[in-house]
Amino acid sequence: MQLCLLCNQPFTDEVDLKTIFLPVSYVAKIICVNCYKKFKKITHPACINCNSYKNKLNQEQLCNDCLAWKVRYNGDLAFNRSIYQYNDAFHDLMVAYKRYGHYVLFNVLTELIKNQLPLADRYIPIPSSPEHLQQRGYDTIISIYEPLCNLSPVLIKKAGGEAQGEKNKNERLATDNLFSLKANVKLSGQIVLLDDIYTTGRTIYHAWEIIKKAFPDCNVSSFTIAR
């Protein structure tokens, strides 16, 4: 019997015989079945480039957001894969984790995406701003992904930018690029940017733009937990 990290209710982790005899160590669940069911995976039809499931799709199965990015970047698109819908359950989880500083909830986000990362040569986390690092005392993205893969934290985010979550869509799209690369960075091959939520894509495209300018031969895509 253990307590669910989300609802704080006791639950029993159900373990079947197949799990018991697997040649790997068993890791106990940290949220109950009822809480887990509140997180809904993205279903099709969805945009083939960013996994948007709310926007209308054109004949190429691209959403309006991706069509706008395609125009802005002269036909180029940053491919993104997301797993979950940004619903009320996910919103509440992120508010508790990021706004109220419940650090332990990174375990829930890690569990939700366990074994679902795409293969890559480098996994680059989207960095927190200096203000948020000082306020929270932890990097929200690195904390989620560090248990899952080897990270290459080569991006720097300048101080002074407002949180994207506090802006509307037009304000997000008008945001200046606050990212830069650390000195003496060398990148090649398949690069996957890691973030928590894909909303308009502005943050991802800023990071994608910085890396593509410095290393045009890299194949840069992104992975986010929710869309």
C-alpha atoms as a PDB file:
ATOM      1  CA  MET A   1       0.000   0.000   0.000  1.00  0.00           C
ATOM      2  CA  GLN A   2       1.337   3.447  -0.910  1.00  0.00           C
ATOM      3  CA  LEU A   3       0.114   7.020  -1.300  1.00  0.00           C
ATOM      4  CA  CYS A   4      -0.616   8.507  -4.717  1.00  0.00           C
ATOM      5  CA  LEU A   5       1.532  11.588  -5.347  1.00  0.00           C
ATOM      6  CA  LEU A   6      -1.421  13.417  -6.902  1.00  0.00           C
ATOM      7  CA  CYS A   7      -4.518  12.628  -4.829  1.00  0.00           C
ATOM      8  CA  ASN A   8      -2.662  11.502  -1.675  1.00  0.00           C
ATOM      9  CA  GLN A   9      -4.934   8.470  -1.385  1.00  0.00           C
ATOM     10  CA  PRO A  10      -3.590   4.996  -0.574  1.00  0.00           C
ATOM     11  CA  PHE A  11      -3.500   2.512  -3.434  1.00  0.00           C
ATOM     12  CA  THR A  12      -2.123  -0.919  -4.194  1.00  0.00           C
ATOM     13  CA  ASP A  13       0.157  -1.251  -7.195  1.00  0.00           C
ATOM     14  CA  GLU A  14      -1.111  -4.099  -9.359  1.00  0.00           C
ATOM     15  CA  VAL A  15       1.703  -6.380 -10.502  1.00  0.00           C
ATOM     16  CA  ASP A  16       0.987  -9.214 -12.929  1.00  0.00           C
ATOM     17  CA  LEU A  17       3.065 -12.366 -13.460  1.00  0.00           C
ATOM     18  CA  LYS A  18       4.553 -11.033 -16.706  1.00  0.00           C
ATOM     19  CA  THR A  19       5.971  -8.058 -14.841  1.00  0.00           C
ATOM     20  CA  ILE A  20       7.352 -10.205 -12.047  1.00  0.00           C
ATOM     21  CA  PHE A  21       9.369 -12.392 -14.422  1.00  0.00           C
ATOM     22  CA  LEU A  22      10.739  -9.625 -16.638  1.00  0.00           C
ATOM     23  CA  PRO A  23      14.592  -9.545 -16.643  1.00  0.00           C
ATOM     24  CA  VAL A  24      14.631  -5.951 -15.339  1.00  0.00           C
ATOM     25  CA  SER A  25      14.035  -4.442 -11.950  1.00  0.00           C
ATOM     26  CA  TYR A  26      10.416  -3.615 -11.270  1.00  0.00           C
ATOM     27  CA  VAL A  27       9.687   0.045 -10.489  1.00  0.00           C
ATOM     28  CA  ALA A  28       6.582   0.677  -8.405  1.00  0.00           C
ATOM     29  CA  LYS A  29       3.944   3.091  -9.686  1.00  0.00           C
ATOM     30  CA  ILE A  30       3.727   6.459  -7.964  1.00  0.00           C
ATOM     31  CA  ILE A  31       0.205   7.501  -8.956  1.00  0.00           C
ATOM     32  CA  CYS A  32      -3.007   5.544  -8.692  1.00  0.00           C
ATOM     33  CA  VAL A  33      -5.002   4.210 -11.626  1.00  0.00           C
ATOM     34  CA  ASN A  34      -7.738   6.812 -11.227  1.00  0.00           C
ATOM     35  CA  CYS A  35      -5.271   9.701 -11.458  1.00  0.00           C
ATOM     36  CA  TYR A  36      -3.400   8.112 -14.345  1.00  0.00           C
ATOM     37  CA  LYS A  37      -6.625   7.799 -16.354  1.00  0.00           C
ATOM     38  CA  LYS A  38      -7.100  11.570 -16.196  1.00  0.00           C
ATOM     39  CA  PHE A  39      -4.129  12.058 -18.536  1.00  0.00           C
ATOM     40  CA  LYS A  40      -5.428  11.574 -22.060  1.00  0.00           C
ATOM     41  CA  LYS A  41      -3.107  10.644 -24.897  1.00  0.00           C
ATOM     42  CA  ILE A  42      -3.310  12.514 -28.181  1.00  0.00           C
ATOM     43  CA  THR A  43      -5.459  10.697 -30.702  1.00  0.00           C
ATOM     44  CA  HIS A  44      -5.788  11.046 -34.456  1.00  0.00           C
ATOM     45  CA  PRO A  45      -6.545  12.948 -36.555  1.00  0.00           C
ATOM     46  CA  ALA A  46      -3.698  15.203 -35.428  1.00  0.00           C
ATOM     47  CA  CYS A  47      -1.202  17.396 -37.244  1.00  0.00           C
ATOM     48  CA  ILE A  48       1.509  15.193 -38.715  1.00  0.00           C
ATOM     49  CA  ASN A  49       4.183  17.716 -37.743  1.00  0.00           C
ATOM     50  CA  CYS A  50       3.326  19.003 -34.249  1.00  0.00           C
ATOM     51  CA  ASN A  51       0.589  16.620 -32.983  1.00  0.00           C
ATOM     52  CA  SER A  52      -2.013  19.372 -32.664  1.00  0.00           C
ATOM     53  CA  TYR A  53      -5.392  17.677 -32.246  1.00  0.00           C
ATOM     54  CA  LYS A  54      -7.547  20.816 -31.850  1.00  0.00           C
ATOM     55  CA  ASN A  55      -6.745  22.855 -34.954  1.00  0.00           C
ATOM     56  CA  LYS A  56      -8.163  22.215 -38.407  1.00  0.00           C
ATOM     57  CA  LEU A  57      -5.865  20.342 -40.793  1.00  0.00           C
ATOM     58  CA  ASN A  58      -5.243  21.125 -44.450  1.00  0.00           C
ATOM     59  CA  GLN A  59      -4.822  18.561 -47.235  1.00  0.00           C
ATOM     60  CA  GLU A  60      -1.217  17.961 -46.137  1.00  0.00           C
ATOM     61  CA  GLN A  61      -2.549  17.151 -42.630  1.00  0.00           C
ATOM     62  CA  LEU A  62      -0.806  20.238 -41.234  1.00  0.00           C
ATOM     63  CA  CYS A  63      -2.446  22.568 -38.700  1.00  0.00           C
ATOM     64  CA  ASN A  64      -2.683  26.330 -39.064  1.00  0.00           C
ATOM     65  CA  ASP A  65       0.179  26.852 -36.602  1.00  0.00           C
ATOM     66  CA  CYS A  66       2.553  24.713 -38.675  1.00  0.00           C
ATOM     67  CA  LEU A  67       1.458  26.388 -41.906  1.00  0.00           C
ATOM     68  CA  ALA A  68       2.349  29.749 -40.353  1.00  0.00           C
ATOM     69  CA  TRP A  69       5.746  28.449 -39.201  1.00  0.00           C
ATOM     70  CA  LYS A  70       6.373  27.031 -42.668  1.00  0.00           C
ATOM     71  CA  VAL A  71       5.885  30.494 -44.173  1.00  0.00           C
ATOM     72  CA  ARG A  72       8.010  32.189 -41.511  1.00  0.00           C
ATOM     73  CA  TYR A  73      10.913  29.772 -41.969  1.00  0.00           C
ATOM     74  CA  ASN A  74      10.808  29.576 -45.773  1.00  0.00           C
ATOM     75  CA  GLY A  75       9.373  26.090 -45.997  1.00  0.00           C
ATOM     76  CA  ASP A  76      11.248  24.533 -43.061  1.00  0.00           C
ATOM     77  CA  LEU A  77       9.432  22.963 -40.121  1.00  0.00           C
ATOM     78  CA  ALA A  78      10.616  21.688 -36.761  1.00  0.00           C
ATOM     79  CA  PHE A  79       9.025  18.284 -36.245  1.00  0.00           C
ATOM     80  CA  ASN A  80       7.546  17.835 -32.782  1.00  0.00           C
ATOM     81  CA  ARG A  81       6.179  14.784 -31.021  1.00  0.00           C
ATOM     82  CA  SER A  82       3.865  15.136 -28.024  1.00  0.00           C
ATOM     83  CA  ILE A  83       2.193  12.351 -26.059  1.00  0.00           C
ATOM     84  CA  TYR A  84      -0.609  13.844 -23.966  1.00  0.00           C
ATOM     85  CA  GLN A  85      -3.424  16.335 -24.407  1.00  0.00           C
ATOM     86  CA  TYR A  86      -3.080  19.524 -22.403  1.00  0.00           C
ATOM     87  CA  ASN A  87      -6.279  18.988 -20.422  1.00  0.00           C
ATOM     88  CA  ASP A  88      -7.361  20.057 -16.935  1.00  0.00           C
ATOM     89  CA  ALA A  89      -5.436  17.252 -15.237  1.00  0.00           C
ATOM     90  CA  PHE A  90      -2.210  18.172 -16.984  1.00  0.00           C
ATOM     91  CA  HIS A  91      -2.769  21.882 -16.288  1.00  0.00           C
ATOM     92  CA  ASP A  92      -3.251  21.235 -12.576  1.00  0.00           C
ATOM     93  CA  LEU A  93      -0.132  19.067 -12.453  1.00  0.00           C
ATOM     94  CA  MET A  94       2.012  21.747 -14.117  1.00  0.00           C
ATOM     95  CA  VAL A  95       0.668  24.509 -11.855  1.00  0.00           C
ATOM     96  CA  ALA A  96       1.601  22.482  -8.781  1.00  0.00           C
ATOM     97  CA  TYR A  97       5.014  21.536 -10.203  1.00  0.00           C
ATOM     98  CA  LYS A  98       6.097  24.894 -11.636  1.00  0.00           C
ATOM     99  CA  ARG A  99       4.101  27.668  -9.965  1.00  0.00           C
ATOM    100  CA  TYR A 100       3.911  26.238  -6.450  1.00  0.00           C
ATOM    101  CA  GLY A 101       7.278  24.495  -6.488  1.00  0.00           C
ATOM    102  CA  HIS A 102       6.202  20.929  -5.684  1.00  0.00           C
ATOM    103  CA  TYR A 103       9.478  19.479  -6.918  1.00  0.00           C
ATOM    104  CA  VAL A 104       8.585  15.859  -6.150  1.00  0.00           C
ATOM    105  CA  LEU A 105       5.994  15.934  -8.972  1.00  0.00           C
ATOM    106  CA  PHE A 106       8.757  15.648 -11.552  1.00  0.00           C
ATOM    107  CA  ASN A 107       8.455  11.927 -10.814  1.00  0.00           C
ATOM    108  CA  VAL A 108       4.916  11.899 -12.210  1.00  0.00           C
ATOM    109  CA  LEU A 109       5.965  13.598 -15.445  1.00  0.00           C
ATOM    110  CA  THR A 110       8.930  11.260 -15.808  1.00  0.00           C
ATOM    111  CA  GLU A 111       6.689   8.234 -15.352  1.00  0.00           C
ATOM    112  CA  LEU A 112       4.167   9.497 -17.922  1.00  0.00           C
ATOM    113  CA  ILE A 113       6.793   9.514 -20.703  1.00  0.00           C
ATOM    114  CA  LYS A 114       8.979   6.599 -19.620  1.00  0.00           C
ATOM    115  CA  ASN A 115      10.203   4.586 -22.658  1.00  0.00           C
ATOM    116  CA  GLN A 116       8.659   7.048 -25.121  1.00  0.00           C
ATOM    117  CA  LEU A 117      11.553   9.317 -26.079  1.00  0.00           C
ATOM    118  CA  PRO A 118      12.631   9.198 -29.749  1.00  0.00           C
ATOM    119  CA  LEU A 119      16.172   8.058 -30.524  1.00  0.00           C
ATOM    120  CA  ALA A 120      18.750  10.840 -30.818  1.00  0.00           C
ATOM    121  CA  ASP A 121      22.462  11.599 -30.730  1.00  0.00           C
ATOM    122  CA  ARG A 122      21.884  14.508 -28.342  1.00  0.00           C
ATOM    123  CA  TYR A 123      18.987  15.405 -26.057  1.00  0.00           C
ATOM    124  CA  ILE A 124      18.968  19.139 -25.379  1.00  0.00           C
ATOM    125  CA  PRO A 125      16.656  20.439 -22.629  1.00  0.00           C
ATOM    126  CA  ILE A 126      14.979  23.825 -23.026  1.00  0.00           C
ATOM    127  CA  PRO A 127      16.555  25.797 -20.149  1.00  0.00           C
ATOM    128  CA  SER A 128      14.801  27.775 -17.452  1.00  0.00           C
ATOM    129  CA  SER A 129      15.402  31.493 -17.139  1.00  0.00           C
ATOM    130  CA  PRO A 130      17.814  32.673 -14.408  1.00  0.00           C
ATOM    131  CA  GLU A 131      14.847  34.215 -12.589  1.00  0.00           C
ATOM    132  CA  HIS A 132      12.919  30.945 -12.498  1.00  0.00           C
ATOM    133  CA  LEU A 133      15.983  28.965 -11.435  1.00  0.00           C
ATOM    134  CA  GLN A 134      16.500  31.307  -8.515  1.00  0.00           C
ATOM    135  CA  GLN A 135      12.813  31.309  -7.610  1.00  0.00           C
ATOM    136  CA  ARG A 136      12.246  27.544  -7.777  1.00  0.00           C
ATOM    137  CA  GLY A 137      15.679  26.218  -6.931  1.00  0.00           C
ATOM    138  CA  TYR A 138      15.495  23.587  -9.680  1.00  0.00           C
ATOM    139  CA  ASP A 139      15.338  23.354 -13.458  1.00  0.00           C
ATOM    140  CA  THR A 140      11.892  21.992 -14.289  1.00  0.00           C
ATOM    141  CA  ILE A 141      12.835  20.396 -17.616  1.00  0.00           C
ATOM    142  CA  ILE A 142      16.161  18.874 -16.587  1.00  0.00           C
ATOM    143  CA  SER A 143      14.498  17.359 -13.505  1.00  0.00           C
ATOM    144  CA  ILE A 144      11.906  15.572 -15.674  1.00  0.00           C
ATOM    145  CA  TYR A 145      14.225  14.183 -18.328  1.00  0.00           C
ATOM    146  CA  GLU A 146      17.440  13.512 -16.410  1.00  0.00           C
ATOM    147  CA  PRO A 147      16.270  10.079 -15.183  1.00  0.00           C
ATOM    148  CA  LEU A 148      15.429   9.053 -18.772  1.00  0.00           C
ATOM    149  CA  CYS A 149      18.432   9.996 -20.919  1.00  0.00           C
ATOM    150  CA  ASN A 150      21.837  11.659 -21.051  1.00  0.00           C
ATOM    151  CA  LEU A 151      21.234  15.384 -21.385  1.00  0.00           C
ATOM    152  CA  SER A 152      23.312  17.986 -23.194  1.00  0.00           C
ATOM    153  CA  PRO A 153      22.373  21.322 -21.558  1.00  0.00           C
ATOM    154  CA  VAL A 154      24.077  23.494 -24.187  1.00  0.00           C
ATOM    155  CA  LEU A 155      21.437  26.246 -24.436  1.00  0.00           C
ATOM    156  CA  ILE A 156      21.409  29.375 -22.291  1.00  0.00           C
ATOM    157  CA  LYS A 157      18.328  31.497 -21.679  1.00  0.00           C
ATOM    158  CA  LYS A 158      18.942  35.191 -21.082  1.00  0.00           C
ATOM    159  CA  ALA A 159      17.454  36.965 -18.104  1.00  0.00           C
ATOM    160  CA  GLY A 160      14.588  39.385 -18.443  1.00  0.00           C
ATOM    161  CA  GLY A 161      11.969  37.456 -20.394  1.00  0.00           C
ATOM    162  CA  GLU A 162       8.446  37.019 -19.059  1.00  0.00           C
ATOM    163  CA  ALA A 163       7.070  33.514 -18.612  1.00  0.00           C
ATOM    164  CA  GLN A 164       5.381  32.194 -21.758  1.00  0.00           C
ATOM    165  CA  GLY A 165       2.518  30.849 -19.675  1.00  0.00           C
ATOM    166  CA  GLU A 166       1.532  34.402 -18.723  1.00  0.00           C
ATOM    167  CA  LYS A 167       1.173  35.555 -22.357  1.00  0.00           C
ATOM    168  CA  ASN A 168      -1.584  35.240 -24.933  1.00  0.00           C
ATOM    169  CA  LYS A 169      -0.915  33.739 -28.357  1.00  0.00           C
ATOM    170  CA  ASN A 170       0.035  36.990 -30.087  1.00  0.00           C
ATOM    171  CA  GLU A 171       2.366  37.969 -27.247  1.00  0.00           C
ATOM    172  CA  ARG A 172       4.043  34.554 -27.408  1.00  0.00           C
ATOM    173  CA  LEU A 173       4.630  34.814 -31.142  1.00  0.00           C
ATOM    174  CA  ALA A 174       6.121  38.305 -30.762  1.00  0.00           C
ATOM    175  CA  THR A 175       8.613  37.197 -28.107  1.00  0.00           C
ATOM    176  CA  ASP A 176      12.287  37.942 -28.822  1.00  0.00           C
ATOM    177  CA  ASN A 177      14.695  35.022 -29.013  1.00  0.00           C
ATOM    178  CA  LEU A 178      16.383  34.796 -25.621  1.00  0.00           C
ATOM    179  CA  PHE A 179      18.385  31.634 -26.332  1.00  0.00           C
ATOM    180  CA  SER A 180      22.078  31.312 -27.124  1.00  0.00           C
ATOM    181  CA  LEU A 181      24.590  28.467 -27.240  1.00  0.00           C
ATOM    182  CA  LYS A 182      27.302  27.906 -24.670  1.00  0.00           C
ATOM    183  CA  ALA A 183      30.876  28.460 -25.843  1.00  0.00           C
ATOM    184  CA  ASN A 184      32.788  25.706 -27.662  1.00  0.00           C
ATOM    185  CA  VAL A 185      29.691  23.592 -28.337  1.00  0.00           C
ATOM    186  CA  LYS A 186      29.929  21.026 -31.141  1.00  0.00           C
ATOM    187  CA  LEU A 187      26.775  19.338 -32.383  1.00  0.00           C
ATOM    188  CA  SER A 188      26.062  16.815 -35.126  1.00  0.00           C
ATOM    189  CA  GLY A 189      23.552  14.175 -36.121  1.00  0.00           C
ATOM    190  CA  GLN A 190      20.064  13.842 -34.697  1.00  0.00           C
ATOM    191  CA  ILE A 191      19.177  16.468 -32.077  1.00  0.00           C
ATOM    192  CA  VAL A 192      15.996  16.335 -29.992  1.00  0.00           C
ATOM    193  CA  LEU A 193      14.918  19.393 -28.009  1.00  0.00           C
ATOM    194  CA  LEU A 194      13.080  18.537 -24.789  1.00  0.00           C
ATOM    195  CA  ASP A 195      10.331  20.634 -23.212  1.00  0.00           C
ATOM    196  CA  ASP A 196       7.167  20.110 -21.178  1.00  0.00           C
ATOM    197  CA  ILE A 197       4.370  21.756 -23.211  1.00  0.00           C
ATOM    198  CA  TYR A 198       4.043  22.747 -26.867  1.00  0.00           C
ATOM    199  CA  THR A 199       1.558  25.630 -27.092  1.00  0.00           C
ATOM    200  CA  THR A 200       2.255  27.875 -30.078  1.00  0.00           C
ATOM    201  CA  GLY A 201       5.702  26.435 -30.789  1.00  0.00           C
ATOM    202  CA  ARG A 202       7.441  29.767 -30.233  1.00  0.00           C
ATOM    203  CA  THR A 203       9.884  28.450 -27.617  1.00  0.00           C
ATOM    204  CA  ILE A 204      10.753  25.347 -29.627  1.00  0.00           C
ATOM    205  CA  TYR A 205      11.308  27.312 -32.826  1.00  0.00           C
ATOM    206  CA  HIS A 206      13.553  29.824 -31.079  1.00  0.00           C
ATOM    207  CA  ALA A 207      15.784  27.016 -29.792  1.00  0.00           C
ATOM    208  CA  TRP A 208      15.579  25.193 -33.151  1.00  0.00           C
ATOM    209  CA  GLU A 209      16.590  28.403 -34.962  1.00  0.00           C
ATOM    210  CA  ILE A 210      19.683  28.946 -32.799  1.00  0.00           C
ATOM    211  CA  ILE A 211      20.945  25.390 -33.323  1.00  0.00           C
ATOM    212  CA  LYS A 212      20.169  25.291 -37.055  1.00  0.00           C
ATOM    213  CA  LYS A 213      22.052  28.551 -37.649  1.00  0.00           C
ATOM    214  CA  ALA A 214      25.134  27.272 -35.857  1.00  0.00           C
ATOM    215  CA  PHE A 215      24.932  23.678 -37.155  1.00  0.00           C
ATOM    216  CA  PRO A 216      22.867  23.594 -40.366  1.00  0.00           C
ATOM    217  CA  ASP A 217      23.649  19.923 -41.032  1.00  0.00           C
ATOM    218  CA  CYS A 218      21.981  18.795 -37.792  1.00  0.00           C
ATOM    219  CA  ASN A 219      18.536  17.239 -37.932  1.00  0.00           C
ATOM    220  CA  VAL A 220      16.732  19.098 -35.132  1.00  0.00           C
ATOM    221  CA  SER A 221      13.318  18.017 -33.832  1.00  0.00           C
ATOM    222  CA  SER A 222      11.545  18.277 -30.489  1.00  0.00           C
ATOM    223  CA  PHE A 223       9.696  16.228 -27.910  1.00  0.00           C
ATOM    224  CA  THR A 224       7.180  17.621 -25.438  1.00  0.00           C
ATOM    225  CA  ILE A 225       4.995  15.852 -22.928  1.00  0.00           C
ATOM    226  CA  ALA A 226       1.773  17.684 -23.782  1.00  0.00           C
ATOM    227  CA  ARG A 227       0.323  19.619 -26.723  1.00  0.00           C
END
